[in-house]
PDB file of N, CA and C in Angstrom:
ATOM      1  N   MET A   1       0.594  -5.130   1.224  1.00  0.00           N
ATOM      2  CA  MET A   1       0.774  -3.991   1.662  1.00  0.00           C
ATOM      3  C   MET A   1       1.496  -3.069   0.609  1.00  0.00           C
ATOM      4  N   GLU A   2       0.823  -2.150   0.305  1.00  0.00           N
ATOM      5  CA  GLU A   2       1.403  -1.044  -0.729  1.00  0.00           C
ATOM      6  C   GLU A   2       1.972   0.393  -0.248  1.00  0.00           C
ATOM      7  N   GLU A   3       2.740   0.704  -0.791  1.00  0.00           N
ATOM      8  CA  GLU A   3       3.162   2.229  -0.399  1.00  0.00           C
ATOM      9  C   GLU A   3       3.310   2.820  -1.827  1.00  0.00           C
ATOM     10  N   LYS A   4       2.524   4.250  -1.828  1.00  0.00           N
ATOM     11  CA  LYS A   4       2.637   4.787  -3.255  1.00  0.00           C
ATOM     12  C   LYS A   4       3.769   5.776  -3.322  1.00  0.00           C
ATOM     13  N   ASP A   5       4.658   6.323  -2.352  1.00  0.00           N
ATOM     14  CA  ASP A   5       5.643   7.141  -2.433  1.00  0.00           C
ATOM     15  C   ASP A   5       6.780   6.336  -2.318  1.00  0.00           C
ATOM     16  N   THR A   6       8.057   6.630  -2.811  1.00  0.00           N
ATOM     17  CA  THR A   6       9.422   6.118  -2.663  1.00  0.00           C
ATOM     18  C   THR A   6       9.761   6.041  -1.417  1.00  0.00           C
ATOM     19  N   ILE A   7      10.195   4.539  -0.915  1.00  0.00           N
ATOM     20  CA  ILE A   7      10.428   4.417   0.284  1.00  0.00           C
ATOM     21  C   ILE A   7      12.072   4.504   0.516  1.00  0.00           C
ATOM     22  N   ARG A   8      12.454   5.192   1.362  1.00  0.00           N
ATOM     23  CA  ARG A   8      13.975   5.613   1.564  1.00  0.00           C
ATOM     24  C   ARG A   8      14.581   4.867   2.448  1.00  0.00           C
ATOM     25  N   SER A   9      13.671   4.301   3.583  1.00  0.00           N
ATOM     26  CA  SER A   9      14.472   3.376   4.622  1.00  0.00           C
ATOM     27  C   SER A   9      13.333   2.963   5.354  1.00  0.00           C
ATOM     28  N   ILE A  10      13.581   1.733   5.992  1.00  0.00           N
ATOM     29  CA  ILE A  10      12.674   1.001   7.040  1.00  0.00           C
ATOM     30  C   ILE A  10      13.219   0.534   8.005  1.00  0.00           C
ATOM     31  N   CYS A  11      12.490   0.330   9.106  1.00  0.00           N
ATOM     32  CA  CYS A  11      12.832  -0.116  10.460  1.00  0.00           C
ATOM     33  C   CYS A  11      11.894  -0.941  11.154  1.00  0.00           C
ATOM     34  N   LEU A  12      12.180  -2.310  11.586  1.00  0.00           N
ATOM     35  CA  LEU A  12      11.380  -3.115  12.020  1.00  0.00           C
ATOM     36  C   LEU A  12      11.476  -3.047  13.720  1.00  0.00           C
ATOM     37  N   SER A  13      10.286  -3.074  14.421  1.00  0.00           N
ATOM     38  CA  SER A  13      10.173  -3.138  15.772  1.00  0.00           C
ATOM     39  C   SER A  13      10.788  -4.412  16.273  1.00  0.00           C
ATOM     40  N   LYS A  14      11.426  -4.411  17.521  1.00  0.00           N
ATOM     41  CA  LYS A  14      11.825  -5.668  18.152  1.00  0.00           C
ATOM     42  C   LYS A  14      11.124  -6.736  18.080  1.00  0.00           C
ATOM     43  N   ASP A  15       9.586  -6.481  18.470  1.00  0.00           N
ATOM     44  CA  ASP A  15       8.725  -7.721  18.530  1.00  0.00           C
ATOM     45  C   ASP A  15       8.301  -8.129  17.189  1.00  0.00           C
ATOM     46  N   GLY A  16       8.630  -7.296  15.969  1.00  0.00           N
ATOM     47  CA  GLY A  16       8.264  -7.704  14.692  1.00  0.00           C
ATOM     48  C   GLY A  16       6.733  -7.463  14.409  1.00  0.00           C
ATOM     49  N   ARG A  17       6.133  -6.552  15.193  1.00  0.00           N
ATOM     50  CA  ARG A  17       4.832  -6.020  14.890  1.00  0.00           C
ATOM     51  C   ARG A  17       4.650  -4.916  14.103  1.00  0.00           C
ATOM     52  N   TYR A  18       5.695  -3.879  14.246  1.00  0.00           N
ATOM     53  CA  TYR A  18       5.706  -2.656  13.685  1.00  0.00           C
ATOM     54  C   TYR A  18       6.550  -2.675  12.675  1.00  0.00           C
ATOM     55  N   LEU A  19       6.443  -1.698  11.481  1.00  0.00           N
ATOM     56  CA  LEU A  19       7.418  -1.345  10.741  1.00  0.00           C
ATOM     57  C   LEU A  19       7.392   0.374  10.307  1.00  0.00           C
ATOM     58  N   LEU A  20       8.354   0.953  10.474  1.00  0.00           N
ATOM     59  CA  LEU A  20       8.557   2.384   9.995  1.00  0.00           C
ATOM     60  C   LEU A  20       9.022   2.392   8.416  1.00  0.00           C
ATOM     61  N   SER A  21       8.329   3.213   7.797  1.00  0.00           N
ATOM     62  CA  SER A  21       8.621   3.433   6.386  1.00  0.00           C
ATOM     63  C   SER A  21       8.863   4.769   6.195  1.00  0.00           C
ATOM     64  N   ASN A  22      10.086   5.298   5.736  1.00  0.00           N
ATOM     65  CA  ASN A  22      10.350   6.626   5.709  1.00  0.00           C
ATOM     66  C   ASN A  22      10.326   6.933   4.182  1.00  0.00           C
ATOM     67  N   THR A  23       9.363   7.817   3.682  1.00  0.00           N
ATOM     68  CA  THR A  23       9.274   7.991   2.352  1.00  0.00           C
ATOM     69  C   THR A  23       9.536   9.475   2.109  1.00  0.00           C
ATOM     70  N   SER A  24       9.505   9.949   0.681  1.00  0.00           N
ATOM     71  CA  SER A  24       9.904  11.129   0.598  1.00  0.00           C
ATOM     72  C   SER A  24       9.557  11.892  -0.777  1.00  0.00           C
ATOM     73  N   ASP A  25       8.779  11.234  -1.610  1.00  0.00           N
ATOM     74  CA  ASP A  25       8.230  12.016  -2.961  1.00  0.00           C
ATOM     75  C   ASP A  25       7.688  13.340  -2.982  1.00  0.00           C
ATOM     76  N   LYS A  26       6.750  13.623  -2.003  1.00  0.00           N
ATOM     77  CA  LYS A  26       6.184  14.996  -1.853  1.00  0.00           C
ATOM     78  C   LYS A  26       6.563  15.654  -0.693  1.00  0.00           C
ATOM     79  N   THR A  27       6.071  15.208   0.495  1.00  0.00           N
ATOM     80  CA  THR A  27       6.400  15.628   1.977  1.00  0.00           C
ATOM     81  C   THR A  27       7.073  14.666   2.573  1.00  0.00           C
ATOM     82  N   PRO A  28       8.352  14.580   3.020  1.00  0.00           N
ATOM     83  CA  PRO A  28       8.946  13.519   3.946  1.00  0.00           C
ATOM     84  C   PRO A  28       7.919  13.098   5.003  1.00  0.00           C
ATOM     85  N   THR A  29       7.766  12.041   4.921  1.00  0.00           N
ATOM     86  CA  THR A  29       6.773  11.319   5.947  1.00  0.00           C
ATOM     87  C   THR A  29       7.262   9.976   6.389  1.00  0.00           C
ATOM     88  N   ILE A  30       7.226   9.748   7.737  1.00  0.00           N
ATOM     89  CA  ILE A  30       7.470   8.405   8.240  1.00  0.00           C
ATOM     90  C   ILE A  30       6.009   7.795   8.542  1.00  0.00           C
ATOM     91  N   TYR A  31       5.683   6.493   8.018  1.00  0.00           N
ATOM     92  CA  TYR A  31       4.560   6.017   8.443  1.00  0.00           C
ATOM     93  C   TYR A  31       4.882   4.795   9.203  1.00  0.00           C
ATOM     94  N   LEU A  32       3.799   4.482  10.330  1.00  0.00           N
ATOM     95  CA  LEU A  32       4.111   3.325  11.133  1.00  0.00           C
ATOM     96  C   LEU A  32       3.093   2.457  10.699  1.00  0.00           C
ATOM     97  N   TRP A  33       3.224   1.200  10.280  1.00  0.00           N
ATOM     98  CA  TRP A  33       2.769   0.093   9.909  1.00  0.00           C
ATOM     99  C   TRP A  33       2.289  -0.871  11.030  1.00  0.00           C
ATOM    100  N   ASP A  34       1.214  -1.377  11.106  1.00  0.00           N
ATOM    101  CA  ASP A  34       0.881  -2.410  12.079  1.00  0.00           C
ATOM    102  C   ASP A  34       0.882  -3.858  11.152  1.00  0.00           C
ATOM    103  N   LEU A  35       2.051  -4.616  11.137  1.00  0.00           N
ATOM    104  CA  LEU A  35       1.956  -5.655  10.254  1.00  0.00           C
ATOM    105  C   LEU A  35       1.086  -6.815  10.538  1.00  0.00           C
ATOM    106  N   PHE A  36       0.484  -6.964  11.802  1.00  0.00           N
ATOM    107  CA  PHE A  36      -0.507  -7.869  12.054  1.00  0.00           C
ATOM    108  C   PHE A  36      -1.806  -7.432  11.292  1.00  0.00           C
ATOM    109  N   LYS A  37      -2.084  -6.046  11.403  1.00  0.00           N
ATOM    110  CA  LYS A  37      -3.400  -5.583  10.648  1.00  0.00           C
ATOM    111  C   LYS A  37      -3.152  -5.416   9.195  1.00  0.00           C
ATOM    112  N   ARG A  38      -1.993  -5.126   8.697  1.00  0.00           N
ATOM    113  CA  ARG A  38      -1.368  -4.935   7.445  1.00  0.00           C
ATOM    114  C   ARG A  38      -2.009  -3.373   7.088  1.00  0.00           C
ATOM    115  N   GLU A  39      -1.954  -2.574   7.963  1.00  0.00           N
ATOM    116  CA  GLU A  39      -2.400  -1.339   7.785  1.00  0.00           C
ATOM    117  C   GLU A  39      -1.458  -0.068   8.321  1.00  0.00           C
ATOM    118  N   LYS A  40      -1.638   1.162   7.717  1.00  0.00           N
ATOM    119  CA  LYS A  40      -0.671   2.362   8.524  1.00  0.00           C
ATOM    120  C   LYS A  40      -1.647   2.620   9.581  1.00  0.00           C
ATOM    121  N   VAL A  41      -0.858   2.870  10.606  1.00  0.00           N
ATOM    122  CA  VAL A  41      -1.590   3.357  12.092  1.00  0.00           C
ATOM    123  C   VAL A  41      -1.156   4.581  12.497  1.00  0.00           C
ATOM    124  N   ASN A  42      -0.048   5.206  11.960  1.00  0.00           N
ATOM    125  CA  ASN A  42       0.218   6.631  12.137  1.00  0.00           C
ATOM    126  C   ASN A  42       1.231   7.173  11.325  1.00  0.00           C
ATOM    127  N   LYS A  43       1.411   8.364  11.280  1.00  0.00           N
ATOM    128  CA  LYS A  43       2.482   9.077  10.521  1.00  0.00           C
ATOM    129  C   LYS A  43       3.155  10.105  11.238  1.00  0.00           C
ATOM    130  N   TYR A  44       4.456  10.606  10.764  1.00  0.00           N
ATOM    131  CA  TYR A  44       5.460  11.616  11.363  1.00  0.00           C
ATOM    132  C   TYR A  44       5.800  12.527  10.336  1.00  0.00           C
ATOM    133  N   ARG A  45       5.742  13.836  10.656  1.00  0.00           N
ATOM    134  CA  ARG A  45       6.197  14.789   9.500  1.00  0.00           C
ATOM    135  C   ARG A  45       6.988  15.908  10.275  1.00  0.00           C
ATOM    136  N   GLY A  46       7.627  16.465   9.618  1.00  0.00           N
ATOM    137  CA  GLY A  46       8.631  17.723  10.110  1.00  0.00           C
ATOM    138  C   GLY A  46      10.085  17.813   9.718  1.00  0.00           C
ATOM    139  N   HIS A  47      10.411  16.467   9.283  1.00  0.00           N
ATOM    140  CA  HIS A  47      11.949  16.439   9.159  1.00  0.00           C
ATOM    141  C   HIS A  47      12.167  16.689   7.732  1.00  0.00           C
ATOM    142  N   LYS A  48      13.329  17.083   7.336  1.00  0.00           N
ATOM    143  CA  LYS A  48      13.684  17.467   5.784  1.00  0.00           C
ATOM    144  C   LYS A  48      14.501  16.303   5.249  1.00  0.00           C
ATOM    145  N   GLN A  49      13.959  15.850   4.077  1.00  0.00           N
ATOM    146  CA  GLN A  49      14.865  14.911   3.506  1.00  0.00           C
ATOM    147  C   GLN A  49      14.661  14.899   1.907  1.00  0.00           C
ATOM    148  N   ASP A  50      15.773  15.669   1.221  1.00  0.00           N
ATOM    149  CA  ASP A  50      15.787  15.850  -0.186  1.00  0.00           C
ATOM    150  C   ASP A  50      16.757  15.033  -0.838  1.00  0.00           C
ATOM    151  N   MET A  51      18.061  15.257  -0.392  1.00  0.00           N
ATOM    152  CA  MET A  51      19.181  14.593  -1.184  1.00  0.00           C
ATOM    153  C   MET A  51      19.682  13.469  -0.456  1.00  0.00           C
ATOM    154  N   ASN A  52      19.555  13.267   0.675  1.00  0.00           N
ATOM    155  CA  ASN A  52      20.173  12.024   1.305  1.00  0.00           C
ATOM    156  C   ASN A  52      19.160  11.128   1.886  1.00  0.00           C
ATOM    157  N   ILE A  53      19.411   9.822   2.198  1.00  0.00           N
ATOM    158  CA  ILE A  53      18.773   8.847   2.677  1.00  0.00           C
ATOM    159  C   ILE A  53      18.883   8.736   4.181  1.00  0.00           C
ATOM    160  N   ILE A  54      17.817   9.190   4.919  1.00  0.00           N
ATOM    161  CA  ILE A  54      17.863   9.147   6.221  1.00  0.00           C
ATOM    162  C   ILE A  54      17.123   7.984   6.972  1.00  0.00           C
ATOM    163  N   GLU A  55      17.907   7.443   7.736  1.00  0.00           N
ATOM    164  CA  GLU A  55      17.100   6.096   8.421  1.00  0.00           C
ATOM    165  C   GLU A  55      16.328   6.753   9.697  1.00  0.00           C
ATOM    166  N   CYS A  56      15.245   5.965   9.975  1.00  0.00           N
ATOM    167  CA  CYS A  56      14.384   6.178  11.115  1.00  0.00           C
ATOM    168  C   CYS A  56      14.661   5.074  12.142  1.00  0.00           C
ATOM    169  N   ALA A  57      13.926   5.261  13.373  1.00  0.00           N
ATOM    170  CA  ALA A  57      14.222   4.126  14.125  1.00  0.00           C
ATOM    171  C   ALA A  57      13.215   4.092  15.362  1.00  0.00           C
ATOM    172  N   PHE A  58      13.044   3.190  15.958  1.00  0.00           N
ATOM    173  CA  PHE A  58      12.295   3.169  17.260  1.00  0.00           C
ATOM    174  C   PHE A  58      13.197   3.519  18.557  1.00  0.00           C
ATOM    175  N   GLY A  59      12.741   4.108  19.450  1.00  0.00           N
ATOM    176  CA  GLY A  59      13.652   4.609  20.663  1.00  0.00           C
ATOM    177  C   GLY A  59      12.641   4.479  22.008  1.00  0.00           C
ATOM    178  N   GLY A  60      13.483   4.814  22.826  1.00  0.00           N
ATOM    179  CA  GLY A  60      12.988   4.994  24.311  1.00  0.00           C
ATOM    180  C   GLY A  60      12.410   3.449  24.811  1.00  0.00           C
ATOM    181  N   VAL A  61      12.052   3.574  25.848  1.00  0.00           N
ATOM    182  CA  VAL A  61      11.715   2.185  26.859  1.00  0.00           C
ATOM    183  C   VAL A  61      10.514   1.622  26.006  1.00  0.00           C
ATOM    184  N   ASN A  62      10.558   0.344  25.690  1.00  0.00           N
ATOM    185  CA  ASN A  62       9.516  -0.437  24.933  1.00  0.00           C
ATOM    186  C   ASN A  62       9.205   0.209  23.659  1.00  0.00           C
ATOM    187  N   GLU A  63      10.430   0.809  22.984  1.00  0.00           N
ATOM    188  CA  GLU A  63      10.125   1.540  21.685  1.00  0.00           C
ATOM    189  C   GLU A  63       8.635   2.417  21.725  1.00  0.00           C
ATOM    190  N   THR A  64       8.822   3.376  22.614  1.00  0.00           N
ATOM    191  CA  THR A  64       7.506   4.265  22.629  1.00  0.00           C
ATOM    192  C   THR A  64       7.815   5.508  21.752  1.00  0.00           C
ATOM    193  N   MET A  65       8.892   5.536  20.956  1.00  0.00           N
ATOM    194  CA  MET A  65       9.225   6.977  20.332  1.00  0.00           C
ATOM    195  C   MET A  65       9.666   6.360  18.826  1.00  0.00           C
ATOM    196  N   VAL A  66       9.457   7.416  18.028  1.00  0.00           N
ATOM    197  CA  VAL A  66      10.126   7.525  16.646  1.00  0.00           C
ATOM    198  C   VAL A  66      11.051   8.526  16.601  1.00  0.00           C
ATOM    199  N   ILE A  67      12.259   8.032  15.898  1.00  0.00           N
ATOM    200  CA  ILE A  67      13.426   9.040  15.929  1.00  0.00           C
ATOM    201  C   ILE A  67      13.925   9.297  14.496  1.00  0.00           C
ATOM    202  N   CYS A  68      14.192  10.340  14.059  1.00  0.00           N
ATOM    203  CA  CYS A  68      14.744  10.426  12.736  1.00  0.00           C
ATOM    204  C   CYS A  68      15.589  11.628  12.614  1.00  0.00           C
ATOM    205  N   GLY A  69      16.662  11.661  12.139  1.00  0.00           N
ATOM    206  CA  GLY A  69      17.546  12.827  11.672  1.00  0.00           C
ATOM    207  C   GLY A  69      16.865  13.564  10.637  1.00  0.00           C
ATOM    208  N   SER A  70      17.606  14.728  10.278  1.00  0.00           N
ATOM    209  CA  SER A  70      17.025  15.684   9.224  1.00  0.00           C
ATOM    210  C   SER A  70      18.130  16.385   8.646  1.00  0.00           C
ATOM    211  N   GLU A  71      17.870  16.831   7.260  1.00  0.00           N
ATOM    212  CA  GLU A  71      18.784  17.479   6.601  1.00  0.00           C
ATOM    213  C   GLU A  71      19.015  19.004   7.010  1.00  0.00           C
ATOM    214  N   CYS A  72      18.165  19.479   7.970  1.00  0.00           N
ATOM    215  CA  CYS A  72      18.235  20.757   8.534  1.00  0.00           C
ATOM    216  C   CYS A  72      19.191  20.738   9.820  1.00  0.00           C
ATOM    217  N   GLY A  73      19.832  19.737  10.018  1.00  0.00           N
ATOM    218  CA  GLY A  73      20.613  19.697  11.250  1.00  0.00           C
ATOM    219  C   GLY A  73      20.012  19.229  12.520  1.00  0.00           C
ATOM    220  N   SER A  74      18.740  18.866  12.500  1.00  0.00           N
ATOM    221  CA  SER A  74      18.241  18.335  13.717  1.00  0.00           C
ATOM    222  C   SER A  74      17.948  17.005  13.711  1.00  0.00           C
ATOM    223  N   VAL A  75      17.501  16.237  15.026  1.00  0.00           N
ATOM    224  CA  VAL A  75      16.963  15.126  15.179  1.00  0.00           C
ATOM    225  C   VAL A  75      15.483  15.246  15.874  1.00  0.00           C
ATOM    226  N   PHE A  76      14.430  14.719  15.168  1.00  0.00           N
ATOM    227  CA  PHE A  76      13.342  14.863  15.585  1.00  0.00           C
ATOM    228  C   PHE A  76      12.928  13.507  16.355  1.00  0.00           C
ATOM    229  N   ILE A  77      12.016  13.614  17.343  1.00  0.00           N
ATOM    230  CA  ILE A  77      11.461  12.591  18.334  1.00  0.00           C
ATOM    231  C   ILE A  77      10.152  12.776  18.437  1.00  0.00           C
ATOM    232  N   TRP A  78       9.346  11.693  18.001  1.00  0.00           N
ATOM    233  CA  TRP A  78       7.774  11.724  18.061  1.00  0.00           C
ATOM    234  C   TRP A  78       7.267  10.802  19.030  1.00  0.00           C
ATOM    235  N   ASN A  79       5.994  10.690  19.771  1.00  0.00           N
ATOM    236  CA  ASN A  79       5.456   9.984  20.647  1.00  0.00           C
ATOM    237  C   ASN A  79       4.958   9.043  19.324  1.00  0.00           C
ATOM    238  N   LYS A  80       5.156   7.515  19.758  1.00  0.00           N
ATOM    239  CA  LYS A  80       4.958   6.656  18.499  1.00  0.00           C
ATOM    240  C   LYS A  80       3.438   6.509  18.273  1.00  0.00           C
ATOM    241  N   VAL A  81       2.670   6.517  19.615  1.00  0.00           N
ATOM    242  CA  VAL A  81       1.211   6.323  19.580  1.00  0.00           C
ATOM    243  C   VAL A  81       0.427   7.478  19.100  1.00  0.00           C
ATOM    244  N   LYS A  82       0.703   8.521  19.721  1.00  0.00           N
ATOM    245  CA  LYS A  82      -0.074  10.083  19.622  1.00  0.00           C
ATOM    246  C   LYS A  82       0.672  10.731  18.216  1.00  0.00           C
ATOM    247  N   GLY A  83       1.617  10.342  17.983  1.00  0.00           N
ATOM    248  CA  GLY A  83       2.271  11.197  16.818  1.00  0.00           C
ATOM    249  C   GLY A  83       2.679  12.540  17.031  1.00  0.00           C
ATOM    250  N   ASP A  84       2.851  12.916  18.251  1.00  0.00           N
ATOM    251  CA  ASP A  84       3.038  14.182  18.822  1.00  0.00           C
ATOM    252  C   ASP A  84       4.597  14.419  18.520  1.00  0.00           C
ATOM    253  N   LEU A  85       5.135  15.643  18.192  1.00  0.00           N
ATOM    254  CA  LEU A  85       6.546  15.924  18.214  1.00  0.00           C
ATOM    255  C   LEU A  85       6.968  16.247  19.554  1.00  0.00           C
ATOM    256  N   LEU A  86       7.908  15.257  20.255  1.00  0.00           N
ATOM    257  CA  LEU A  86       8.205  15.501  21.801  1.00  0.00           C
ATOM    258  C   LEU A  86       9.463  16.267  21.760  1.00  0.00           C
ATOM    259  N   ALA A  87      10.363  16.445  20.600  1.00  0.00           N
ATOM    260  CA  ALA A  87      11.660  17.083  20.853  1.00  0.00           C
ATOM    261  C   ALA A  87      12.294  17.288  19.423  1.00  0.00           C
ATOM    262  N   LYS A  88      12.727  18.310  19.144  1.00  0.00           N
ATOM    263  CA  LYS A  88      13.537  18.604  18.121  1.00  0.00           C
ATOM    264  C   LYS A  88      15.000  19.261  18.416  1.00  0.00           C
ATOM    265  N   LEU A  89      15.958  18.220  18.404  1.00  0.00           N
ATOM    266  CA  LEU A  89      17.415  18.400  19.038  1.00  0.00           C
ATOM    267  C   LEU A  89      18.299  18.890  17.973  1.00  0.00           C
ATOM    268  N   SER A  90      18.812  20.040  18.110  1.00  0.00           N
ATOM    269  CA  SER A  90      19.749  20.739  17.012  1.00  0.00           C
ATOM    270  C   SER A  90      21.327  20.179  17.352  1.00  0.00           C
ATOM    271  N   GLY A  91      22.022  20.583  16.159  1.00  0.00           N
ATOM    272  CA  GLY A  91      23.394  20.112  16.382  1.00  0.00           C
ATOM    273  C   GLY A  91      23.847  18.859  15.604  1.00  0.00           C
ATOM    274  N   HIS A  92      22.780  18.126  15.060  1.00  0.00           N
ATOM    275  CA  HIS A  92      23.144  16.890  14.171  1.00  0.00           C
ATOM    276  C   HIS A  92      23.801  17.345  12.915  1.00  0.00           C
ATOM    277  N   ASN A  93      24.817  16.463  12.386  1.00  0.00           N
ATOM    278  CA  ASN A  93      25.426  16.902  11.115  1.00  0.00           C
ATOM    279  C   ASN A  93      25.450  15.500  10.209  1.00  0.00           C
TER     280      ASN A  93
END
């Protein structure tokens, strides 16, 4: 498996099937990799990441969400399968 952009952080799902890679060369993007298929199956955008390393994580019941902080002071929560932004929570430092 190859990633073209710089990887800032990674997170492995509890079952070992999925990997999140947080990249930030051009537009900060989190990719969801299916490790069994060895391919990217989704991507998540909207968070800001220029100066800091910001970790992403799986969340929710059965890890159905992708969660990441942002340099804008928010926490972003996406639907893991659909990629839709579910919430943008303010107040993060």
